[in-house]
Amino acid sequence: MARYAIRDPLIGIPFTGFVLFFFSRINWHGMGLGSLAFVGFVALWMLFGGLIFVLSPLISAWSARKTIYAITDRRLLIIHKFPLERTHSYAPALINNLKTVERVNGEGDIIFRKETKPTEVEKGFLSVSVEFGSTTEIGFFGISEVRKVEAAIQRLVRGDGLERPSPSHST
């Protein structure tokens, strides 16, 4: 997940530098208490926002370590333990776009769902114009033996279920 957030510091570093430069140029001594409180509050929030961008690869890596992927005989599960514990469940009917990216070491990513969120653009008297904006890819990221996991997901989608050991009978 940190690999996907690697470009965020390219935004965060200049933004944080600009915030620090801008607020270092302010004459803090000539301000009244209300203005000082407002500018200080805005400065802290802008600095916090810039630092989130700068640290996003580390935050993503830590979040990924707190994420569990599971395949059952009925659905795919993504269990997040950070920042809040939550579980996302995807039945075979919700798997709409299976795409696998394998890297040289056998690790890779499996995208199994794409969700496009509509963004309302213009409301007319009798019509609504809608533009489809952000697309979110949902899947298992940074997993080892990606082809085995892909095969298990394909069996789930086909309805074959997961491989189960045959029951042994004793007499």
C-alpha atoms as a PDB file:
ATOM      1  CA  MET A   1       0.000   0.000   0.000  1.00  0.00           C
ATOM      2  CA  ALA A   2       2.918   2.332   0.636  1.00  0.00           C
ATOM      3  CA  ARG A   3       3.884   1.866  -3.023  1.00  0.00           C
ATOM      4  CA  TYR A   4       0.598   3.509  -4.046  1.00  0.00           C
ATOM      5  CA  ALA A   5       1.118   6.462  -1.679  1.00  0.00           C
ATOM      6  CA  ILE A   6       4.714   7.129  -2.718  1.00  0.00           C
ATOM      7  CA  ARG A   7       3.765  10.214  -4.777  1.00  0.00           C
ATOM      8  CA  ASP A   8       1.932  11.957  -1.925  1.00  0.00           C
ATOM      9  CA  PRO A   9       5.119  13.471  -0.408  1.00  0.00           C
ATOM     10  CA  LEU A  10       5.719  15.206  -3.741  1.00  0.00           C
ATOM     11  CA  ILE A  11       2.628  17.255  -2.910  1.00  0.00           C
ATOM     12  CA  GLY A  12       3.169  17.413   0.845  1.00  0.00           C
ATOM     13  CA  ILE A  13       6.764  18.628   0.930  1.00  0.00           C
ATOM     14  CA  PRO A  14       6.215  21.808  -1.148  1.00  0.00           C
ATOM     15  CA  PHE A  15       2.883  22.444   0.586  1.00  0.00           C
ATOM     16  CA  THR A  16       4.422  22.115   4.059  1.00  0.00           C
ATOM     17  CA  GLY A  17       7.380  24.283   2.993  1.00  0.00           C
ATOM     18  CA  PHE A  18       5.012  26.962   1.682  1.00  0.00           C
ATOM     19  CA  VAL A  19       2.991  26.903   4.907  1.00  0.00           C
ATOM     20  CA  LEU A  20       6.117  27.232   7.045  1.00  0.00           C
ATOM     21  CA  PHE A  21       7.486  30.038   4.847  1.00  0.00           C
ATOM     22  CA  PHE A  22       4.154  31.905   4.729  1.00  0.00           C
ATOM     23  CA  PHE A  23       3.581  31.778   8.458  1.00  0.00           C
ATOM     24  CA  SER A  24       7.196  32.699   9.248  1.00  0.00           C
ATOM     25  CA  ARG A  25       6.633  35.990   7.379  1.00  0.00           C
ATOM     26  CA  ILE A  26       3.653  37.040   9.513  1.00  0.00           C
ATOM     27  CA  ASN A  27       4.126  39.764  12.115  1.00  0.00           C
ATOM     28  CA  TRP A  28       2.802  37.794  15.080  1.00  0.00           C
ATOM     29  CA  HIS A  29       3.489  40.591  17.610  1.00  0.00           C
ATOM     30  CA  GLY A  30       1.216  43.116  15.890  1.00  0.00           C
ATOM     31  CA  MET A  31      -1.893  40.903  16.004  1.00  0.00           C
ATOM     32  CA  GLY A  32      -4.775  41.059  18.383  1.00  0.00           C
ATOM     33  CA  LEU A  33      -5.727  37.983  20.398  1.00  0.00           C
ATOM     34  CA  GLY A  34      -8.588  36.999  18.058  1.00  0.00           C
ATOM     35  CA  SER A  35      -6.476  37.312  14.918  1.00  0.00           C
ATOM     36  CA  LEU A  36      -3.605  35.479  16.566  1.00  0.00           C
ATOM     37  CA  ALA A  37      -5.887  32.611  17.578  1.00  0.00           C
ATOM     38  CA  PHE A  38      -7.422  32.374  14.093  1.00  0.00           C
ATOM     39  CA  VAL A  39      -4.114  32.520  12.184  1.00  0.00           C
ATOM     40  CA  GLY A  40      -2.492  30.109  14.643  1.00  0.00           C
ATOM     41  CA  PHE A  41      -5.396  27.673  14.261  1.00  0.00           C
ATOM     42  CA  VAL A  42      -5.254  27.849  10.442  1.00  0.00           C
ATOM     43  CA  ALA A  43      -1.454  27.475  10.495  1.00  0.00           C
ATOM     44  CA  LEU A  44      -1.630  24.341  12.646  1.00  0.00           C
ATOM     45  CA  TRP A  45      -4.299  22.713  10.470  1.00  0.00           C
ATOM     46  CA  MET A  46      -2.447  23.516   7.251  1.00  0.00           C
ATOM     47  CA  LEU A  47       0.798  22.199   8.718  1.00  0.00           C
ATOM     48  CA  PHE A  48      -1.010  19.067   9.910  1.00  0.00           C
ATOM     49  CA  GLY A  49      -2.465  18.531   6.405  1.00  0.00           C
ATOM     50  CA  GLY A  50       0.956  18.889   4.793  1.00  0.00           C
ATOM     51  CA  LEU A  51       2.536  16.459   7.248  1.00  0.00           C
ATOM     52  CA  ILE A  52      -0.201  13.891   6.527  1.00  0.00           C
ATOM     53  CA  PHE A  53       0.810  14.020   2.844  1.00  0.00           C
ATOM     54  CA  VAL A  54       4.507  13.773   3.712  1.00  0.00           C
ATOM     55  CA  LEU A  55       3.971  10.802   6.032  1.00  0.00           C
ATOM     56  CA  SER A  56       1.305   9.029   3.949  1.00  0.00           C
ATOM     57  CA  PRO A  57       3.601   6.213   2.718  1.00  0.00           C
ATOM     58  CA  LEU A  58       4.472   5.369   6.330  1.00  0.00           C
ATOM     59  CA  ILE A  59       0.841   5.614   7.412  1.00  0.00           C
ATOM     60  CA  SER A  60      -0.212   3.383   4.495  1.00  0.00           C
ATOM     61  CA  ALA A  61       2.464   0.803   5.316  1.00  0.00           C
ATOM     62  CA  TRP A  62       1.402   0.715   8.969  1.00  0.00           C
ATOM     63  CA  SER A  63      -2.257   0.435   7.965  1.00  0.00           C
ATOM     64  CA  ALA A  64      -1.424  -2.418   5.557  1.00  0.00           C
ATOM     65  CA  ARG A  65       0.206  -4.348   8.392  1.00  0.00           C
ATOM     66  CA  LYS A  66      -3.095  -4.085  10.238  1.00  0.00           C
ATOM     67  CA  THR A  67      -5.161  -5.413   7.299  1.00  0.00           C
ATOM     68  CA  ILE A  68      -6.251  -9.041   6.907  1.00  0.00           C
ATOM     69  CA  TYR A  69      -7.423 -10.594   3.638  1.00  0.00           C
ATOM     70  CA  ALA A  70      -9.511 -13.773   3.688  1.00  0.00           C
ATOM     71  CA  ILE A  71     -11.279 -16.012   1.200  1.00  0.00           C
ATOM     72  CA  THR A  72     -14.096 -18.182   2.494  1.00  0.00           C
ATOM     73  CA  ASP A  73     -16.314 -20.573   0.594  1.00  0.00           C
ATOM     74  CA  ARG A  74     -18.916 -17.781   0.282  1.00  0.00           C
ATOM     75  CA  ARG A  75     -17.140 -14.436   0.068  1.00  0.00           C
ATOM     76  CA  LEU A  76     -13.987 -12.343   0.133  1.00  0.00           C
ATOM     77  CA  LEU A  77     -13.205 -10.430   3.308  1.00  0.00           C
ATOM     78  CA  ILE A  78     -11.038  -7.391   3.939  1.00  0.00           C
ATOM     79  CA  ILE A  79     -10.613  -6.745   7.662  1.00  0.00           C
ATOM     80  CA  HIS A  80      -9.042  -3.445   8.683  1.00  0.00           C
ATOM     81  CA  LYS A  81      -7.702  -3.074  12.225  1.00  0.00           C
ATOM     82  CA  PHE A  82      -6.475   0.547  11.813  1.00  0.00           C
ATOM     83  CA  PRO A  83      -7.588   3.270  12.373  1.00  0.00           C
ATOM     84  CA  LEU A  84     -10.968   1.722  13.193  1.00  0.00           C
ATOM     85  CA  GLU A  85     -11.813  -1.951  13.133  1.00  0.00           C
ATOM     86  CA  ARG A  86     -14.106  -2.639  10.189  1.00  0.00           C
ATOM     87  CA  THR A  87     -14.853  -5.524   7.840  1.00  0.00           C
ATOM     88  CA  HIS A  88     -15.790  -5.390   4.160  1.00  0.00           C
ATOM     89  CA  SER A  89     -17.454  -8.446   2.675  1.00  0.00           C
ATOM     90  CA  TYR A  90     -17.742  -9.200  -1.053  1.00  0.00           C
ATOM     91  CA  ALA A  91     -20.008 -11.998  -2.264  1.00  0.00           C
ATOM     92  CA  PRO A  92     -19.271 -13.524  -5.703  1.00  0.00           C
ATOM     93  CA  ALA A  93     -21.990 -11.351  -7.260  1.00  0.00           C
ATOM     94  CA  LEU A  94     -20.027  -8.237  -6.205  1.00  0.00           C
ATOM     95  CA  ILE A  95     -16.820  -9.356  -7.902  1.00  0.00           C
ATOM     96  CA  ASN A  96     -17.069  -7.409 -11.134  1.00  0.00           C
ATOM     97  CA  ASN A  97     -13.553  -6.969 -12.463  1.00  0.00           C
ATOM     98  CA  LEU A  98     -10.804  -9.502 -11.739  1.00  0.00           C
ATOM     99  CA  LYS A  99      -7.338  -8.188 -12.637  1.00  0.00           C
ATOM    100  CA  THR A 100      -4.045  -9.585 -11.343  1.00  0.00           C
ATOM    101  CA  VAL A 101      -0.688  -7.812 -11.320  1.00  0.00           C
ATOM    102  CA  GLU A 102       2.235 -10.120 -10.550  1.00  0.00           C
ATOM    103  CA  ARG A 103       5.723  -8.874  -9.728  1.00  0.00           C
ATOM    104  CA  VAL A 104       8.940 -10.857 -10.233  1.00  0.00           C
ATOM    105  CA  ASN A 105       9.015 -12.368  -6.758  1.00  0.00           C
ATOM    106  CA  GLY A 106       5.535 -13.908  -7.048  1.00  0.00           C
ATOM    107  CA  GLU A 107       3.936 -11.173  -4.975  1.00  0.00           C
ATOM    108  CA  GLY A 108       1.251  -9.044  -6.467  1.00  0.00           C
ATOM    109  CA  ASP A 109      -2.120  -7.377  -6.326  1.00  0.00           C
ATOM    110  CA  ILE A 110      -5.547  -8.676  -7.236  1.00  0.00           C
ATOM    111  CA  ILE A 111      -8.221  -6.137  -8.086  1.00  0.00           C
ATOM    112  CA  PHE A 112     -11.631  -7.775  -7.925  1.00  0.00           C
ATOM    113  CA  ARG A 113     -13.984  -4.821  -7.874  1.00  0.00           C
ATOM    114  CA  LYS A 114     -14.104  -1.329  -9.338  1.00  0.00           C
ATOM    115  CA  GLU A 115     -16.565   1.167  -7.940  1.00  0.00           C
ATOM    116  CA  THR A 116     -17.277   4.412  -9.746  1.00  0.00           C
ATOM    117  CA  LYS A 117     -18.896   7.125  -7.705  1.00  0.00           C
ATOM    118  CA  PRO A 118     -21.118   9.550  -9.597  1.00  0.00           C
ATOM    119  CA  THR A 119     -20.565  13.233  -9.041  1.00  0.00           C
ATOM    120  CA  GLU A 120     -23.504  15.536  -9.602  1.00  0.00           C
ATOM    121  CA  VAL A 121     -22.523  18.306 -11.981  1.00  0.00           C
ATOM    122  CA  GLU A 122     -25.567  20.315 -12.967  1.00  0.00           C
ATOM    123  CA  LYS A 123     -29.214  20.413 -11.966  1.00  0.00           C
ATOM    124  CA  GLY A 124     -31.678  21.684 -14.490  1.00  0.00           C
ATOM    125  CA  PHE A 125     -35.401  22.285 -14.157  1.00  0.00           C
ATOM    126  CA  LEU A 126     -36.342  18.906 -15.630  1.00  0.00           C
ATOM    127  CA  SER A 127     -32.997  17.131 -15.876  1.00  0.00           C
ATOM    128  CA  VAL A 128     -29.933  16.224 -13.874  1.00  0.00           C
ATOM    129  CA  SER A 129     -26.540  15.956 -15.503  1.00  0.00           C
ATOM    130  CA  VAL A 130     -24.264  13.402 -13.821  1.00  0.00           C
ATOM    131  CA  GLU A 131     -20.558  12.924 -14.365  1.00  0.00           C
ATOM    132  CA  PHE A 132     -18.813   9.758 -13.218  1.00  0.00           C
ATOM    133  CA  GLY A 133     -15.741  10.892 -11.353  1.00  0.00           C
ATOM    134  CA  SER A 134     -13.659   8.850  -8.975  1.00  0.00           C
ATOM    135  CA  THR A 135     -13.082   5.149  -9.512  1.00  0.00           C
ATOM    136  CA  THR A 136     -11.959   3.075  -6.556  1.00  0.00           C
ATOM    137  CA  GLU A 137     -10.179  -0.227  -7.063  1.00  0.00           C
ATOM    138  CA  ILE A 138     -10.875  -2.803  -4.367  1.00  0.00           C
ATOM    139  CA  GLY A 139      -8.725  -5.861  -3.939  1.00  0.00           C
ATOM    140  CA  PHE A 140      -5.950  -7.673  -2.144  1.00  0.00           C
ATOM    141  CA  PHE A 141      -2.659  -5.752  -2.339  1.00  0.00           C
ATOM    142  CA  GLY A 142       0.893  -6.943  -1.721  1.00  0.00           C
ATOM    143  CA  ILE A 143       0.057 -10.629  -1.316  1.00  0.00           C
ATOM    144  CA  SER A 144       2.443 -13.516  -1.820  1.00  0.00           C
ATOM    145  CA  GLU A 145       1.680 -16.357  -4.232  1.00  0.00           C
ATOM    146  CA  VAL A 146      -0.737 -14.126  -6.106  1.00  0.00           C
ATOM    147  CA  ARG A 147      -1.600 -16.753  -8.738  1.00  0.00           C
ATOM    148  CA  LYS A 148      -2.813 -19.234  -6.092  1.00  0.00           C
ATOM    149  CA  VAL A 149      -5.012 -16.556  -4.563  1.00  0.00           C
ATOM    150  CA  GLU A 150      -6.315 -15.624  -8.016  1.00  0.00           C
ATOM    151  CA  ALA A 151      -7.247 -19.279  -8.657  1.00  0.00           C
ATOM    152  CA  ALA A 152      -9.095 -19.441  -5.328  1.00  0.00           C
ATOM    153  CA  ILE A 153     -11.070 -16.290  -6.189  1.00  0.00           C
ATOM    154  CA  GLN A 154     -11.935 -17.700  -9.622  1.00  0.00           C
ATOM    155  CA  ARG A 155     -13.224 -20.912  -7.983  1.00  0.00           C
ATOM    156  CA  LEU A 156     -15.348 -18.801  -5.649  1.00  0.00           C
ATOM    157  CA  VAL A 157     -16.804 -16.830  -8.568  1.00  0.00           C
ATOM    158  CA  ARG A 158     -17.535 -20.025 -10.535  1.00  0.00           C
ATOM    159  CA  GLY A 159     -19.211 -21.533  -7.490  1.00  0.00           C
ATOM    160  CA  ASP A 160     -16.722 -24.376  -7.064  1.00  0.00           C
ATOM    161  CA  GLY A 161     -15.965 -23.305  -3.502  1.00  0.00           C
ATOM    162  CA  LEU A 162     -12.618 -23.692  -1.853  1.00  0.00           C
ATOM    163  CA  GLU A 163     -10.736 -26.949  -1.877  1.00  0.00           C
ATOM    164  CA  ARG A 164     -11.706 -28.977   1.141  1.00  0.00           C
ATOM    165  CA  PRO A 165     -10.127 -32.177   2.337  1.00  0.00           C
ATOM    166  CA  SER A 166     -12.286 -35.215   1.768  1.00  0.00           C
ATOM    167  CA  PRO A 167     -13.740 -36.664   4.969  1.00  0.00           C
ATOM    168  CA  SER A 168     -12.109 -39.839   6.186  1.00  0.00           C
ATOM    169  CA  HIS A 169     -14.258 -42.733   7.298  1.00  0.00           C
ATOM    170  CA  SER A 170     -13.138 -45.159   9.930  1.00  0.00           C
ATOM    171  CA  THR A 171     -14.717 -48.519  10.490  1.00  0.00           C
END
